[in-house]
PDB file of N, CA and C in Angstrom:
ATOM      1  N   MET A   1      98.867 110.972  97.380  1.00  0.00           N
ATOM      2  CA  MET A   1      99.258 109.680  97.874  1.00  0.00           C
ATOM      3  C   MET A   1      98.006 108.950  98.330  1.00  0.00           C
ATOM      4  N   SER A   2      97.872 107.741  97.911  1.00  0.00           N
ATOM      5  CA  SER A   2      96.652 106.990  98.167  1.00  0.00           C
ATOM      6  C   SER A   2      96.613 106.359  99.544  1.00  0.00           C
ATOM      7  N   SER A   3      97.732 106.218 100.170  1.00  0.00           N
ATOM      8  CA  SER A   3      97.775 105.546 101.456  1.00  0.00           C
ATOM      9  C   SER A   3      97.482 106.528 102.581  1.00  0.00           C
ATOM     10  N   SER A   4      96.738 106.060 103.579  1.00  0.00           N
ATOM     11  CA  SER A   4      96.480 106.909 104.733  1.00  0.00           C
ATOM     12  C   SER A   4      97.416 106.560 105.889  1.00  0.00           C
ATOM     13  N   SER A   5      98.404 105.711 105.633  1.00  0.00           N
ATOM     14  CA  SER A   5      99.349 105.296 106.659  1.00  0.00           C
ATOM     15  C   SER A   5     100.334 106.429 106.964  1.00  0.00           C
ATOM     16  N   LYS A   6     100.431 106.764 108.220  1.00  0.00           N
ATOM     17  CA  LYS A   6     101.362 107.820 108.630  1.00  0.00           C
ATOM     18  C   LYS A   6     102.802 107.368 108.465  1.00  0.00           C
ATOM     19  N   THR A   7     103.050 106.087 108.715  1.00  0.00           N
ATOM     20  CA  THR A   7     104.402 105.556 108.579  1.00  0.00           C
ATOM     21  C   THR A   7     104.873 105.618 107.133  1.00  0.00           C
ATOM     22  N   PHE A   8     104.015 105.190 106.200  1.00  0.00           N
ATOM     23  CA  PHE A   8     104.371 105.236 104.791  1.00  0.00           C
ATOM     24  C   PHE A   8     104.585 106.672 104.333  1.00  0.00           C
ATOM     25  N   SER A   9     103.744 107.574 104.789  1.00  0.00           N
ATOM     26  CA  SER A   9     103.902 108.986 104.429  1.00  0.00           C
ATOM     27  C   SER A   9     105.218 109.548 104.944  1.00  0.00           C
ATOM     28  N   LEU A  10     105.617 109.174 106.149  1.00  0.00           N
ATOM     29  CA  LEU A  10     106.883 109.641 106.701  1.00  0.00           C
ATOM     30  C   LEU A  10     108.066 109.072 105.917  1.00  0.00           C
ATOM     31  N   ILE A  11     107.993 107.793 105.569  1.00  0.00           N
ATOM     32  CA  ILE A  11     109.064 107.174 104.781  1.00  0.00           C
ATOM     33  C   ILE A  11     109.208 107.866 103.432  1.00  0.00           C
ATOM     34  N   MET A  12     108.085 108.140 102.774  1.00  0.00           N
ATOM     35  CA  MET A  12     108.136 108.804 101.472  1.00  0.00           C
ATOM     36  C   MET A  12     108.644 110.236 101.608  1.00  0.00           C
ATOM     37  N   LEU A  13     108.305 110.913 102.694  1.00  0.00           N
ATOM     38  CA  LEU A  13     108.806 112.268 102.921  1.00  0.00           C
ATOM     39  C   LEU A  13     110.332 112.272 103.053  1.00  0.00           C
ATOM     40  N   VAL A  14     110.871 111.346 103.831  1.00  0.00           N
ATOM     41  CA  VAL A  14     112.323 111.243 103.985  1.00  0.00           C
ATOM     42  C   VAL A  14     112.965 110.869 102.653  1.00  0.00           C
ATOM     43  N   PHE A  15     112.351 109.938 101.932  1.00  0.00           N
ATOM     44  CA  PHE A  15     112.866 109.511 100.629  1.00  0.00           C
ATOM     45  C   PHE A  15     112.949 110.692  99.664  1.00  0.00           C
ATOM     46  N   TYR A  16     111.887 111.494  99.592  1.00  0.00           N
ATOM     47  CA  TYR A  16     111.894 112.634  98.681  1.00  0.00           C
ATOM     48  C   TYR A  16     112.800 113.762  99.172  1.00  0.00           C
ATOM     49  N   ALA A  17     113.030 113.868 100.475  1.00  0.00           N
ATOM     50  CA  ALA A  17     114.001 114.851 100.972  1.00  0.00           C
ATOM     51  C   ALA A  17     115.413 114.469 100.536  1.00  0.00           C
ATOM     52  N   ILE A  18     115.730 113.167 100.582  1.00  0.00           N
ATOM     53  CA  ILE A  18     117.031 112.700 100.091  1.00  0.00           C
ATOM     54  C   ILE A  18     117.134 112.942  98.589  1.00  0.00           C
ATOM     55  N   LEU A  19     116.052 112.695  97.875  1.00  0.00           N
ATOM     56  CA  LEU A  19     116.017 112.963  96.440  1.00  0.00           C
ATOM     57  C   LEU A  19     116.289 114.431  96.155  1.00  0.00           C
ATOM     58  N   LEU A  20     115.678 115.312  96.912  1.00  0.00           N
ATOM     59  CA  LEU A  20     115.900 116.744  96.734  1.00  0.00           C
ATOM     60  C   LEU A  20     117.355 117.115  96.989  1.00  0.00           C
ATOM     61  N   TYR A  21     117.976 116.499  97.979  1.00  0.00           N
ATOM     62  CA  TYR A  21     119.392 116.734  98.235  1.00  0.00           C
ATOM     63  C   TYR A  21     120.227 116.354  97.009  1.00  0.00           C
ATOM     64  N   PHE A  22     119.941 115.176  96.418  1.00  0.00           N
ATOM     65  CA  PHE A  22     120.706 114.744  95.250  1.00  0.00           C
ATOM     66  C   PHE A  22     120.507 115.685  94.063  1.00  0.00           C
ATOM     67  N   VAL A  23     119.318 116.240  93.918  1.00  0.00           N
ATOM     68  CA  VAL A  23     119.079 117.201  92.834  1.00  0.00           C
ATOM     69  C   VAL A  23     119.939 118.447  93.050  1.00  0.00           C
ATOM     70  N   PHE A  24     119.947 118.974  94.281  1.00  0.00           N
ATOM     71  CA  PHE A  24     120.731 120.180  94.557  1.00  0.00           C
ATOM     72  C   PHE A  24     122.231 119.914  94.537  1.00  0.00           C
ATOM     73  N   ALA A  25     122.634 118.665  94.804  1.00  0.00           N
ATOM     74  CA  ALA A  25     124.053 118.306  94.769  1.00  0.00           C
ATOM     75  C   ALA A  25     124.510 117.961  93.351  1.00  0.00           C
ATOM     76  N   ASN A  26     123.607 118.115  92.397  1.00  0.00           N
ATOM     77  CA  ASN A  26     123.892 117.877  90.986  1.00  0.00           C
ATOM     78  C   ASN A  26     124.250 116.413  90.700  1.00  0.00           C
ATOM     79  N   LYS A  27     123.613 115.505  91.420  1.00  0.00           N
ATOM     80  CA  LYS A  27     123.749 114.059  91.194  1.00  0.00           C
ATOM     81  C   LYS A  27     122.486 113.604  90.454  1.00  0.00           C
ATOM     82  N   ASN A  28     122.391 114.004  89.193  1.00  0.00           N
ATOM     83  CA  ASN A  28     121.137 113.865  88.468  1.00  0.00           C
ATOM     84  C   ASN A  28     120.743 112.429  88.144  1.00  0.00           C
ATOM     85  N   MET A  29     121.700 111.536  87.880  1.00  0.00           N
ATOM     86  CA  MET A  29     121.318 110.166  87.524  1.00  0.00           C
ATOM     87  C   MET A  29     120.713 109.423  88.706  1.00  0.00           C
ATOM     88  N   ILE A  30     121.333 109.529  89.881  1.00  0.00           N
ATOM     89  CA  ILE A  30     120.757 108.862  91.050  1.00  0.00           C
ATOM     90  C   ILE A  30     119.418 109.490  91.414  1.00  0.00           C
ATOM     91  N   ALA A  31     119.279 110.792  91.191  1.00  0.00           N
ATOM     92  CA  ALA A  31     118.001 111.460  91.443  1.00  0.00           C
ATOM     93  C   ALA A  31     116.921 110.941  90.501  1.00  0.00           C
ATOM     94  N   MET A  32     117.282 110.689  89.249  1.00  0.00           N
ATOM     95  CA  MET A  32     116.306 110.138  88.295  1.00  0.00           C
ATOM     96  C   MET A  32     115.878 108.733  88.706  1.00  0.00           C
ATOM     97  N   TYR A  33     116.841 107.913  89.123  1.00  0.00           N
ATOM     98  CA  TYR A  33     116.501 106.558  89.584  1.00  0.00           C
ATOM     99  C   TYR A  33     115.595 106.611  90.808  1.00  0.00           C
ATOM    100  N   MET A  34     115.924 107.481  91.755  1.00  0.00           N
ATOM    101  CA  MET A  34     115.102 107.600  92.961  1.00  0.00           C
ATOM    102  C   MET A  34     113.702 108.106  92.632  1.00  0.00           C
ATOM    103  N   MET A  35     113.609 109.037  91.692  1.00  0.00           N
ATOM    104  CA  MET A  35     112.303 109.552  91.304  1.00  0.00           C
ATOM    105  C   MET A  35     111.450 108.448  90.686  1.00  0.00           C
ATOM    106  N   ALA A  36     112.062 107.642  89.824  1.00  0.00           N
ATOM    107  CA  ALA A  36     111.330 106.536  89.202  1.00  0.00           C
ATOM    108  C   ALA A  36     110.883 105.521  90.247  1.00  0.00           C
ATOM    109  N   ILE A  37     111.754 105.196  91.188  1.00  0.00           N
ATOM    110  CA  ILE A  37     111.395 104.247  92.245  1.00  0.00           C
ATOM    111  C   ILE A  37     110.274 104.816  93.118  1.00  0.00           C
ATOM    112  N   GLY A  38     110.393 106.081  93.486  1.00  0.00           N
ATOM    113  CA  GLY A  38     109.361 106.716  94.322  1.00  0.00           C
ATOM    114  C   GLY A  38     108.005 106.760  93.645  1.00  0.00           C
ATOM    115  N   MET A  39     107.980 107.096  92.368  1.00  0.00           N
ATOM    116  CA  MET A  39     106.702 107.146  91.650  1.00  0.00           C
ATOM    117  C   MET A  39     106.112 105.750  91.500  1.00  0.00           C
ATOM    118  N   PHE A  40     106.963 104.737  91.255  1.00  0.00           N
ATOM    119  CA  PHE A  40     106.472 103.371  91.132  1.00  0.00           C
ATOM    120  C   PHE A  40     105.898 102.869  92.453  1.00  0.00           C
ATOM    121  N   VAL A  41     106.601 103.118  93.555  1.00  0.00           N
ATOM    122  CA  VAL A  41     106.119 102.674  94.868  1.00  0.00           C
ATOM    123  C   VAL A  41     104.805 103.364  95.210  1.00  0.00           C
ATOM    124  N   ASP A  42     104.704 104.650  94.933  1.00  0.00           N
ATOM    125  CA  ASP A  42     103.471 105.394  95.194  1.00  0.00           C
ATOM    126  C   ASP A  42     102.312 104.834  94.371  1.00  0.00           C
ATOM    127  N   ALA A  43     102.561 104.540  93.098  1.00  0.00           N
ATOM    128  CA  ALA A  43     101.514 103.967  92.247  1.00  0.00           C
ATOM    129  C   ALA A  43     101.138 102.560  92.704  1.00  0.00           C
ATOM    130  N   LEU A  44     102.114 101.781  93.129  1.00  0.00           N
ATOM    131  CA  LEU A  44     101.849 100.416  93.595  1.00  0.00           C
ATOM    132  C   LEU A  44     101.006 100.427  94.864  1.00  0.00           C
ATOM    133  N   VAL A  45     101.331 101.310  95.801  1.00  0.00           N
ATOM    134  CA  VAL A  45     100.542 101.414  97.030  1.00  0.00           C
ATOM    135  C   VAL A  45      99.127 101.889  96.717  1.00  0.00           C
ATOM    136  N   GLY A  46      98.994 102.842  95.813  1.00  0.00           N
ATOM    137  CA  GLY A  46      97.662 103.290  95.406  1.00  0.00           C
ATOM    138  C   GLY A  46      96.861 102.181  94.759  1.00  0.00           C
ATOM    139  N   PHE A  47      97.509 101.372  93.936  1.00  0.00           N
ATOM    140  CA  PHE A  47      96.852 100.240  93.282  1.00  0.00           C
ATOM    141  C   PHE A  47      96.378  99.219  94.309  1.00  0.00           C
ATOM    142  N   ILE A  48      97.246  98.900  95.251  1.00  0.00           N
ATOM    143  CA  ILE A  48      96.881  97.919  96.282  1.00  0.00           C
ATOM    144  C   ILE A  48      95.749  98.442  97.153  1.00  0.00           C
ATOM    145  N   CYS A  49      95.804  99.719  97.524  1.00  0.00           N
ATOM    146  CA  CYS A  49      94.749 100.300  98.362  1.00  0.00           C
ATOM    147  C   CYS A  49      93.413 100.370  97.631  1.00  0.00           C
ATOM    148  N   THR A  50      93.444 100.565  96.324  1.00  0.00           N
ATOM    149  CA  THR A  50      92.211 100.655  95.549  1.00  0.00           C
ATOM    150  C   THR A  50      91.488  99.312  95.491  1.00  0.00           C
ATOM    151  N   PHE A  51      92.248  98.241  95.323  1.00  0.00           N
ATOM    152  CA  PHE A  51      91.632  96.936  95.161  1.00  0.00           C
ATOM    153  C   PHE A  51      91.541  96.120  96.436  1.00  0.00           C
ATOM    154  N   ARG A  52      92.006  96.674  97.532  1.00  0.00           N
ATOM    155  CA  ARG A  52      91.897  95.974  98.803  1.00  0.00           C
ATOM    156  C   ARG A  52      90.447  96.038  99.285  1.00  0.00           C
ATOM    157  N   SER A  53      89.965  94.965  99.842  1.00  0.00           N
ATOM    158  CA  SER A  53      88.578  94.910 100.316  1.00  0.00           C
ATOM    159  C   SER A  53      88.402  95.831 101.516  1.00  0.00           C
ATOM    160  N   LYS A  54      87.372  96.634 101.480  1.00  0.00           N
ATOM    161  CA  LYS A  54      87.095  97.561 102.579  1.00  0.00           C
ATOM    162  C   LYS A  54      86.178  96.937 103.626  1.00  0.00           C
ATOM    163  N   THR A  55      85.671  95.734 103.386  1.00  0.00           N
ATOM    164  CA  THR A  55      84.749  95.092 104.306  1.00  0.00           C
ATOM    165  C   THR A  55      85.505  94.080 105.164  1.00  0.00           C
ATOM    166  N   LYS A  56      86.009  94.537 106.289  1.00  0.00           N
ATOM    167  CA  LYS A  56      86.751  93.640 107.197  1.00  0.00           C
ATOM    168  C   LYS A  56      85.978  93.457 108.469  1.00  0.00           C
TER     169      LYS A  56
END
C-alpha cells in the first residue's frame, strides 16, 4: 500500500475483512466486486501519492 496514512490503512483493513467474510460465506459475486473496488482504490491512492509534490 502506497499510503502512509493510518486512517486509510485501517479503512482498507476493515474493507478486506468484510471481503474475507463474503468469500467464506460463499457470496462470490459481491466479493469479486469488492476486490475490484479495493484494488482500484489502492492503485488510485498510490498514483496520487506518487505524483503529489513532496516539497511543502
